[in-house]
């Protein structure tokens, strides 16, 4: 078994740079083609799945969860943040029928090549120096998205340590209230066991992913009450007291 893992790591060293160059140059070169974004994200998803396979990491989620995501519309996706593997795991399990995109900090858009690529891929540019401006930018981007596409947010803002879920920032709830969208919570477990902060290469293993029922904000409550309810629902699944889909 160990020999197979080392062989896969060797392939990753050889193929990793090729995957990176392939993905990095597709967006700026092909961004004007009709239907490009859907095609591009499918290529990115395949690359992420292959990378996880080469790292001997498997993502475990239910058929019901995949079906719920495939039919998900008019939502914002909210995910807890455990490690640098989270984005790859999400790319692996979210089905092709569901379109989604990430926010990217403004500094990453300063490069001409990256700007063209990120814009072509549909990433949302976020200026994190101004919370108000970042919120306005994300809200406007969500309003302009087709119902099939969702913005994916990490409400903890950074990777949470320990065995507890970090506190949530209110951004996702504020955007949901402003746009009328629901929130689709996704809970990631065990990713930090495979790749903790002090480790360069992840261990082989399984990342568990649970998809929760759609969360609807209650305008009769305050924003903080909605945030608290969302946090409690995701924390209960994270701690194993309530099953997901």
Protein backbone atom coordinates (compact mmCIF):
# COMPACT_ATOMS: atom_id res chain seq x y z
CA UNK A 1 0.00 0.00 0.00
CA UNK A 2 2.80 2.41 0.89
CA UNK A 3 4.51 1.70 -2.45
CA UNK A 4 1.32 2.67 -4.29
CA UNK A 5 1.10 5.94 -2.37
CA UNK A 6 4.71 6.82 -3.18
CA UNK A 7 4.14 5.96 -6.83
CA UNK A 8 1.13 8.29 -6.92
CA UNK A 9 3.14 11.06 -5.27
CA UNK A 10 5.78 10.63 -7.93
CA UNK A 11 3.16 11.04 -10.62
CA UNK A 12 1.88 14.16 -8.85
CA UNK A 13 5.35 15.71 -8.93
CA UNK A 14 5.54 15.03 -12.67
CA UNK A 15 1.96 15.93 -13.61
CA UNK A 16 1.24 18.71 -11.09
CA UNK A 17 3.04 21.49 -13.00
CA UNK A 18 1.38 20.37 -16.24
CA UNK A 19 -2.07 20.56 -14.64
CA UNK A 20 -1.26 24.01 -13.23
CA UNK A 21 -0.06 25.44 -16.54
CA UNK A 22 -2.99 23.88 -18.39
CA UNK A 23 -5.58 25.39 -16.04
CA UNK A 24 -3.79 28.74 -15.66
CA UNK A 25 -3.66 29.47 -19.38
CA UNK A 26 -7.07 28.10 -20.38
CA UNK A 27 -9.04 30.99 -18.90
CA UNK A 28 -7.21 33.95 -20.49
CA UNK A 29 -6.87 32.17 -23.84
CA UNK A 30 -10.41 30.83 -24.20
CA UNK A 31 -12.53 33.20 -22.09
CA UNK A 32 -14.44 34.63 -25.08
CA UNK A 33 -15.80 31.27 -26.25
CA UNK A 34 -19.51 30.65 -25.74
CA UNK A 35 -20.19 28.33 -22.79
CA UNK A 36 -16.57 28.67 -21.65
CA UNK A 37 -17.18 28.96 -17.91
CA UNK A 38 -19.15 25.74 -17.58
CA UNK A 39 -16.58 23.89 -19.67
CA UNK A 40 -13.66 25.47 -17.77
CA UNK A 41 -14.94 24.62 -14.30
CA UNK A 42 -15.52 21.02 -15.34
CA UNK A 43 -11.84 20.86 -16.37
CA UNK A 44 -10.80 22.36 -13.03
CA UNK A 45 -12.97 19.86 -11.16
CA UNK A 46 -11.41 16.94 -13.02
CA UNK A 47 -7.92 18.23 -12.25
CA UNK A 48 -8.76 18.54 -8.54
CA UNK A 49 -10.19 15.02 -8.44
CA UNK A 50 -7.07 13.63 -10.09
CA UNK A 51 -4.84 15.49 -7.66
CA UNK A 52 -6.70 14.05 -4.68
CA UNK A 53 -6.41 10.57 -6.19
CA UNK A 54 -2.68 11.04 -6.63
CA UNK A 55 -2.49 12.07 -2.96
CA UNK A 56 -4.48 8.93 -2.01
CA UNK A 57 -7.29 11.07 -0.59
CA UNK A 58 -10.92 10.12 -1.05
CA UNK A 59 -13.93 12.36 -0.46
CA UNK A 60 -16.91 10.65 1.14
CA UNK A 61 -20.40 12.09 0.68
CA UNK A 62 -23.79 10.53 0.14
CA UNK A 63 -25.74 10.10 -3.09
CA UNK A 64 -28.53 12.16 -1.50
CA UNK A 65 -26.09 15.01 -0.85
CA UNK A 66 -24.87 14.98 -4.46
CA UNK A 67 -28.47 14.95 -5.71
CA UNK A 68 -29.36 17.90 -3.47
CA UNK A 69 -26.43 19.89 -4.85
CA UNK A 70 -27.22 18.93 -8.44
CA UNK A 71 -30.69 20.41 -8.10
CA UNK A 72 -29.69 23.37 -5.95
CA UNK A 73 -30.70 26.80 -7.29
CA UNK A 74 -30.88 30.41 -6.10
CA UNK A 75 -28.50 29.82 -3.20
CA UNK A 76 -25.25 30.92 -1.62
CA UNK A 77 -22.99 28.03 -0.60
CA UNK A 78 -21.47 28.31 2.86
CA UNK A 79 -18.66 25.96 3.97
CA UNK A 80 -16.59 25.65 7.14
CA UNK A 81 -12.85 25.96 6.56
CA UNK A 82 -10.50 23.25 7.87
CA UNK A 83 -7.43 23.08 5.61
CA UNK A 84 -5.95 23.90 2.20
CA UNK A 85 -7.60 20.69 0.96
CA UNK A 86 -11.12 22.13 1.32
CA UNK A 87 -11.34 23.71 -2.12
CA UNK A 88 -10.08 20.57 -3.84
CA UNK A 89 -12.56 18.42 -1.91
CA UNK A 90 -15.46 20.67 -2.85
CA UNK A 91 -14.44 20.58 -6.50
CA UNK A 92 -14.43 16.80 -6.27
CA UNK A 93 -17.91 16.32 -4.76
CA UNK A 94 -20.03 19.16 -6.18
CA UNK A 95 -21.64 17.72 -9.32
CA UNK A 96 -21.28 19.27 -12.77
CA UNK A 97 -24.95 20.28 -12.79
CA UNK A 98 -24.24 22.79 -10.02
CA UNK A 99 -22.28 25.88 -11.03
CA UNK A 100 -20.40 27.83 -8.40
CA UNK A 101 -17.59 30.33 -8.08
CA UNK A 102 -15.28 31.76 -5.45
CA UNK A 103 -14.31 35.22 -4.33
CA UNK A 104 -10.68 36.25 -4.88
CA UNK A 105 -8.82 38.98 -3.05
CA UNK A 106 -8.14 42.10 -5.11
CA UNK A 107 -4.34 41.66 -4.96
CA UNK A 108 -4.61 38.48 -7.05
CA UNK A 109 -6.31 40.47 -9.83
CA UNK A 110 -3.46 43.00 -10.10
CA UNK A 111 -1.54 40.83 -12.56
CA UNK A 112 -2.74 41.34 -16.15
CA UNK A 113 -2.64 37.62 -16.91
CA UNK A 114 -4.36 36.60 -13.68
CA UNK A 115 -6.98 39.32 -14.06
CA UNK A 116 -7.95 38.05 -17.51
CA UNK A 117 -7.99 34.47 -16.29
CA UNK A 118 -9.98 35.11 -13.11
CA UNK A 119 -12.48 37.33 -14.92
CA UNK A 120 -12.91 34.72 -17.63
CA UNK A 121 -13.49 32.03 -15.01
CA UNK A 122 -16.09 34.20 -13.24
CA UNK A 123 -14.26 34.75 -9.93
CA UNK A 124 -15.50 37.69 -7.88
CA UNK A 125 -12.90 40.35 -7.10
CA UNK A 126 -13.00 41.31 -3.42
CA UNK A 127 -11.24 44.29 -1.81
CA UNK A 128 -10.71 43.05 1.73
CA UNK A 129 -9.42 46.44 2.92
CA UNK A 130 -13.02 47.66 3.01
CA UNK A 131 -15.63 45.33 4.45
CA UNK A 132 -18.47 47.52 3.15
CA UNK A 133 -17.08 47.58 -0.40
CA UNK A 134 -16.42 43.81 -0.35
CA UNK A 135 -20.00 43.16 0.75
CA UNK A 136 -21.40 45.45 -1.95
CA UNK A 137 -19.25 43.78 -4.61
CA UNK A 138 -20.32 40.26 -3.61
CA UNK A 139 -23.98 41.25 -3.33
CA UNK A 140 -23.96 42.80 -6.80
CA UNK A 141 -22.19 39.76 -8.24
CA UNK A 142 -24.77 37.38 -6.73
CA UNK A 143 -27.64 39.52 -8.02
CA UNK A 144 -26.22 39.24 -11.54
CA UNK A 145 -25.65 35.46 -11.37
CA UNK A 146 -28.10 33.01 -12.94
CA UNK A 147 -30.00 31.00 -10.33
CA UNK A 148 -27.98 27.92 -11.26
CA UNK A 149 -24.72 29.53 -10.10
CA UNK A 150 -23.76 30.16 -6.48
CA UNK A 151 -21.07 32.15 -4.74
CA UNK A 152 -19.15 29.93 -2.32
CA UNK A 153 -18.10 31.52 0.97
CA UNK A 154 -16.12 30.43 4.04
CA UNK A 155 -17.95 32.28 6.86
CA UNK A 156 -15.19 31.64 9.41
CA UNK A 157 -12.92 33.80 7.25
CA UNK A 158 -9.88 31.61 7.88
CA UNK A 159 -9.01 28.02 8.71
CA UNK A 160 -10.37 27.06 12.10
CA UNK A 161 -8.09 25.18 14.49
CA UNK A 162 -8.85 22.59 17.12
CA UNK A 163 -12.00 20.51 17.28
CA UNK A 164 -14.48 23.38 17.26
CA UNK A 165 -16.04 25.34 14.45
CA UNK A 166 -14.94 28.97 14.41
CA UNK A 167 -17.25 31.94 14.80
CA UNK A 168 -19.08 33.06 11.65
CA UNK A 169 -18.89 36.47 10.04
CA UNK A 170 -22.29 37.85 8.93
CA UNK A 171 -21.42 38.37 5.24
CA UNK A 172 -23.25 35.33 3.85
CA UNK A 173 -26.42 36.14 5.78
CA UNK A 174 -26.31 39.80 4.71
CA UNK A 175 -25.90 38.80 1.04
CA UNK A 176 -28.68 36.23 1.31
CA UNK A 177 -31.03 38.80 2.82
CA UNK A 178 -30.16 41.41 0.17
CA UNK A 179 -30.58 39.02 -2.77
CA UNK A 180 -33.43 36.83 -1.53
CA UNK A 181 -31.33 33.70 -1.93
CA UNK A 182 -31.23 30.76 0.45
CA UNK A 183 -28.01 29.43 1.99
CA UNK A 184 -26.81 25.90 1.25
CA UNK A 185 -24.56 24.82 4.16
CA UNK A 186 -21.80 22.25 3.56
CA UNK A 187 -19.77 20.79 6.43
CA UNK A 188 -16.23 19.46 5.86
CA UNK A 189 -14.71 17.05 8.38
CA UNK A 190 -11.26 15.47 8.81
CA UNK A 191 -9.47 17.60 6.19
CA UNK A 192 -7.31 19.19 8.89
CA UNK A 193 -6.32 15.73 10.17
CA UNK A 194 -4.87 14.96 6.74
CA UNK A 195 -3.24 18.36 6.24
CA UNK A 196 -2.72 20.31 9.48
CA UNK A 197 -1.08 23.74 9.43
CA UNK A 198 2.39 22.40 10.21
CA UNK A 199 2.43 19.80 7.41
CA UNK A 200 3.52 20.32 3.79
CA UNK A 201 2.27 17.08 2.21
CA UNK A 202 -1.09 15.64 3.30
CA UNK A 203 -1.54 12.16 4.67
CA UNK A 204 -3.63 9.61 2.78
CA UNK A 205 -7.17 9.24 4.07
CA UNK A 206 -10.81 10.25 3.74
CA UNK A 207 -12.44 13.68 3.89
CA UNK A 208 -16.08 13.52 4.95
CA UNK A 209 -18.51 16.06 3.51
CA UNK A 210 -22.10 16.59 4.65
CA UNK A 211 -24.66 18.72 2.81
CA UNK A 212 -27.42 20.28 4.92
CA UNK A 213 -30.95 21.30 4.03
CA UNK A 214 -31.28 24.79 2.56
CA UNK A 215 -31.18 27.52 5.23
CA UNK A 216 -33.61 30.42 4.88
CA UNK A 217 -33.04 33.71 6.64
CA UNK A 218 -35.85 34.96 8.88
CA UNK A 219 -36.43 38.69 8.47
CA UNK A 220 -38.38 38.68 11.74
CA UNK A 221 -35.06 37.96 13.45
CA UNK A 222 -31.90 40.04 13.53
CA UNK A 223 -28.92 39.32 11.28
CA UNK A 224 -26.99 37.98 14.27
CA UNK A 225 -29.82 35.61 15.17
CA UNK A 226 -29.72 34.21 11.63
CA UNK A 227 -25.94 33.86 11.88
CA UNK A 228 -26.29 32.05 15.19
CA UNK A 229 -28.91 29.64 13.79
CA UNK A 230 -26.76 28.88 10.75
CA UNK A 231 -23.69 28.32 12.92
CA UNK A 232 -25.61 26.05 15.30
CA UNK A 233 -26.97 23.92 12.43
CA UNK A 234 -23.52 23.43 10.91
CA UNK A 235 -21.82 22.93 14.28
CA UNK A 236 -24.25 20.17 15.25
CA UNK A 237 -23.34 18.24 12.09
CA UNK A 238 -19.64 18.95 12.58
CA UNK A 239 -19.83 17.58 16.10
CA UNK A 240 -21.82 14.55 14.92
CA UNK A 241 -25.02 15.21 16.84
CA UNK A 242 -27.23 15.79 13.77
CA UNK A 243 -26.81 13.89 10.47
CA UNK A 244 -26.62 15.69 7.12
CA UNK A 245 -28.08 14.53 3.82
